[in-house]
């Protein structure tokens, strides 16, 4: 009969690797969204967004001045919420 691995250190290493993989994936996705909104919409795509008006100004200018900040704040709250959920999933919550 094959002996099943019950080594607790191996389980912790697997769980730790999964936890950090999920954490790094979430950080990369958040940074890509933030870069797209702040640099992409506010600078690179501004001429394409110039015809769309929001609050009396064009959408590209709005993203550069306010939209990127609001998206950044939303990403902070999303990251905190998702990390709390991930911590509970892996049993490392406070």
Protein backbone atom coordinates (compact mmCIF):
# COMPACT_ATOMS: atom_id res chain seq x y z
CA UNK A 1 0.00 0.00 0.00
CA UNK A 2 1.36 3.40 -1.00
CA UNK A 3 2.05 5.67 1.91
CA UNK A 4 0.20 8.97 1.70
CA UNK A 5 2.18 12.12 2.42
CA UNK A 6 1.01 13.51 5.76
CA UNK A 7 4.02 15.71 6.36
CA UNK A 8 2.63 18.99 7.77
CA UNK A 9 5.68 20.93 6.50
CA UNK A 10 4.93 19.89 2.91
CA UNK A 11 1.30 21.03 3.29
CA UNK A 12 2.39 24.39 4.70
CA UNK A 13 4.84 24.85 1.82
CA UNK A 14 2.11 24.04 -0.76
CA UNK A 15 -0.36 26.36 0.97
CA UNK A 16 2.26 29.10 1.27
CA UNK A 17 3.13 28.83 -2.42
CA UNK A 18 -0.57 28.99 -3.37
CA UNK A 19 -1.17 31.94 -1.08
CA UNK A 20 1.72 33.95 -2.51
CA UNK A 21 0.84 33.01 -6.09
CA UNK A 22 -2.71 34.32 -5.54
CA UNK A 23 -1.37 37.45 -3.83
CA UNK A 24 1.14 38.25 -6.59
CA UNK A 25 -1.50 37.59 -9.28
CA UNK A 26 -3.86 40.04 -7.56
CA UNK A 27 -1.11 42.68 -7.28
CA UNK A 28 -0.18 42.35 -10.96
CA UNK A 29 -3.81 42.63 -12.09
CA UNK A 30 -4.34 45.69 -9.88
CA UNK A 31 -1.20 47.38 -11.20
CA UNK A 32 -2.19 46.70 -14.82
CA UNK A 33 -5.64 48.22 -14.22
CA UNK A 34 -4.11 51.24 -12.49
CA UNK A 35 -1.53 51.77 -15.27
CA UNK A 36 -4.18 51.42 -17.98
CA UNK A 37 -6.46 53.96 -16.33
CA UNK A 38 -3.86 56.52 -15.24
CA UNK A 39 -1.26 56.29 -18.01
CA UNK A 40 -3.37 54.79 -20.80
CA UNK A 41 -6.62 56.74 -20.52
CA UNK A 42 -5.11 59.92 -19.07
CA UNK A 43 -2.12 60.27 -21.43
CA UNK A 44 -1.92 57.82 -24.34
CA UNK A 45 -5.60 57.56 -25.23
CA UNK A 46 -6.48 61.16 -24.39
CA UNK A 47 -6.86 62.28 -28.03
CA UNK A 48 -9.32 59.44 -28.65
CA UNK A 49 -11.33 60.37 -25.55
CA UNK A 50 -11.35 64.12 -26.31
CA UNK A 51 -14.77 64.04 -27.99
CA UNK A 52 -16.54 62.52 -24.97
CA UNK A 53 -17.58 65.11 -22.39
CA UNK A 54 -17.86 64.44 -18.66
CA UNK A 55 -18.73 67.28 -16.31
CA UNK A 56 -17.89 69.97 -18.85
CA UNK A 57 -14.49 68.59 -19.83
CA UNK A 58 -13.25 65.79 -22.05
CA UNK A 59 -13.00 62.22 -20.73
CA UNK A 60 -9.20 62.00 -21.15
CA UNK A 61 -8.67 65.07 -18.98
CA UNK A 62 -11.17 63.72 -16.42
CA UNK A 63 -9.24 60.43 -16.18
CA UNK A 64 -5.96 62.29 -15.80
CA UNK A 65 -7.31 64.57 -13.05
CA UNK A 66 -9.92 62.55 -11.16
CA UNK A 67 -10.66 59.18 -12.72
CA UNK A 68 -7.27 57.63 -12.05
CA UNK A 69 -7.43 58.70 -8.40
CA UNK A 70 -10.92 57.24 -7.96
CA UNK A 71 -9.89 53.99 -9.65
CA UNK A 72 -6.80 53.84 -7.42
CA UNK A 73 -8.96 54.24 -4.30
CA UNK A 74 -11.36 51.56 -5.56
CA UNK A 75 -8.40 49.24 -6.15
CA UNK A 76 -7.16 49.81 -2.59
CA UNK A 77 -10.53 48.84 -1.12
CA UNK A 78 -10.85 45.87 -3.49
CA UNK A 79 -7.35 44.64 -2.58
CA UNK A 80 -8.03 44.92 1.16
CA UNK A 81 -11.36 43.08 0.82
CA UNK A 82 -9.88 40.35 -1.39
CA UNK A 83 -6.81 39.89 0.84
CA UNK A 84 -9.03 39.43 3.90
CA UNK A 85 -10.94 36.78 1.98
CA UNK A 86 -7.69 35.13 0.82
CA UNK A 87 -6.27 35.21 4.37
CA UNK A 88 -9.35 33.39 5.68
CA UNK A 89 -9.14 30.86 2.85
CA UNK A 90 -5.54 29.97 3.75
CA UNK A 91 -6.03 30.27 7.51
CA UNK A 92 -3.68 33.21 8.09
CA UNK A 93 -6.24 35.84 9.11
CA UNK A 94 -5.54 38.11 12.03
